[in-house]
Every structure is written in structure tokens, then in C-alpha cells.
Amino acid sequence: MPTVLNESGFRFFFYSNEHLPKHIHIEKAGKTAKFNLENIELVKSSGFSASELKQIRNLVELNQELLIQKWNEFFSN
């Protein structure tokens, strides 16, 4: 599970056997979420409040280029 970013206590990562579409997993304190990266949208969530999901979405938007770059680097090998 390569960690791509740690921000505001959230860990952004993907699994080594991922699939398209490009997406990122987020976890914090036992809560999880998954966002698609290219057309940023929430795929699923467990435990996060609406305000936390908004914060995560903002972090994904701010770091979208980096997250996609890391995805491409990892899965191009």
C-alpha cells in the first residue's frame, strides 16, 4: 500500500494491485474513503462525517496533479 500523501492526519494511498479508473484511498482513525481522481467524485466512504468528506475532497482537488502523477509513476512499471 504505497502512501502518496499525509495531510491533516489523513493518509492517501493506493493498493499495489489497483485497477482503473484512477482513484485514491484515504484513511484516518479507522475511517475510510475512496475518491476517483480524474473526475473527482466520492466512490465510497465508511465512518467519515460530511464535513470530513468535504475536507478530503478539497485535499484531493488541491493535490489532484500530484496524486495522478504518483499513480502513473507506480503503475507504469
Protein backbone atom coordinates (compact mmCIF):
# COMPACT_ATOMS: atom_id res chain seq x y z
CA MET A 1 0.00 0.00 0.00
CA PRO A 2 2.09 2.90 -1.20
CA THR A 3 1.33 6.04 0.80
CA VAL A 4 1.25 9.01 -1.54
CA LEU A 5 0.41 11.85 0.84
CA ASN A 6 -0.14 12.52 4.53
CA GLU A 7 -2.13 15.68 5.12
CA SER A 8 -4.12 16.89 8.15
CA GLY A 9 -3.99 13.40 9.65
CA PHE A 10 -5.38 11.77 6.50
CA ARG A 11 -3.33 9.09 4.74
CA PHE A 12 -3.75 8.97 0.97
CA PHE A 13 -2.72 5.67 -0.60
CA PHE A 14 -3.42 3.06 -3.22
CA TYR A 15 -3.03 -0.69 -3.31
CA SER A 16 -0.31 -2.27 -5.43
CA ASN A 17 -2.88 -4.22 -7.47
CA GLU A 18 -5.21 -1.33 -8.33
CA HIS A 19 -7.45 -1.01 -11.37
CA LEU A 20 -8.86 1.80 -13.48
CA PRO A 21 -10.33 4.34 -13.13
CA LYS A 22 -7.54 6.13 -11.30
CA HIS A 23 -8.54 6.59 -7.68
CA ILE A 24 -7.14 7.16 -4.21
CA HIS A 25 -7.97 5.60 -0.85
CA ILE A 26 -7.98 7.75 2.28
CA GLU A 27 -7.94 6.64 5.90
CA LYS A 28 -7.86 8.24 9.30
CA ALA A 29 -8.65 6.75 12.72
CA GLY A 30 -10.26 3.63 11.29
CA LYS A 31 -12.43 5.57 8.82
CA THR A 32 -12.01 5.09 5.07
CA ALA A 33 -12.98 6.70 1.79
CA LYS A 34 -12.25 6.28 -1.89
CA PHE A 35 -12.26 9.08 -4.49
CA ASN A 36 -11.86 8.91 -8.25
CA LEU A 37 -9.04 11.19 -9.32
CA GLU A 38 -9.78 12.38 -12.84
CA ASN A 39 -13.40 13.45 -12.35
CA ILE A 40 -13.10 13.92 -8.62
CA GLU A 41 -16.00 12.14 -7.00
CA LEU A 42 -16.61 10.10 -3.89
CA VAL A 43 -16.86 6.38 -4.67
CA LYS A 44 -17.42 5.09 -1.14
CA SER A 45 -16.94 6.05 2.47
CA SER A 46 -17.16 4.44 5.87
CA GLY A 47 -17.21 6.46 9.07
CA PHE A 48 -16.33 9.92 7.81
CA SER A 49 -18.71 12.80 8.53
CA ALA A 50 -19.96 15.08 5.77
CA SER A 51 -17.55 17.82 6.89
CA GLU A 52 -14.61 15.38 6.84
CA LEU A 53 -15.57 14.23 3.34
CA LYS A 54 -15.68 17.86 2.22
CA GLN A 55 -12.22 18.39 3.70
CA ILE A 56 -10.92 15.26 1.96
CA ARG A 57 -12.44 16.32 -1.36
CA ASN A 58 -10.72 19.69 -1.03
CA LEU A 59 -7.40 17.96 -0.35
CA VAL A 60 -7.89 15.70 -3.37
CA GLU A 61 -8.65 18.76 -5.52
CA LEU A 62 -5.59 20.63 -4.23
CA ASN A 63 -3.34 17.62 -4.78
CA GLN A 64 -5.01 16.11 -7.85
CA GLU A 65 -2.00 16.59 -10.13
CA LEU A 66 0.40 15.02 -7.60
CA LEU A 67 -1.93 12.09 -6.90
CA ILE A 68 -2.36 11.31 -10.61
CA GLN A 69 1.39 11.68 -11.15
CA LYS A 70 2.11 9.19 -8.35
CA TRP A 71 -0.48 6.77 -9.76
CA ASN A 72 1.11 6.97 -13.23
CA GLU A 73 4.63 6.52 -11.86
CA PHE A 74 3.71 3.48 -9.78
CA PHE A 75 1.56 1.69 -12.33
CA SER A 76 3.75 2.38 -15.37
CA ASN A 77 6.30 -0.14 -14.03
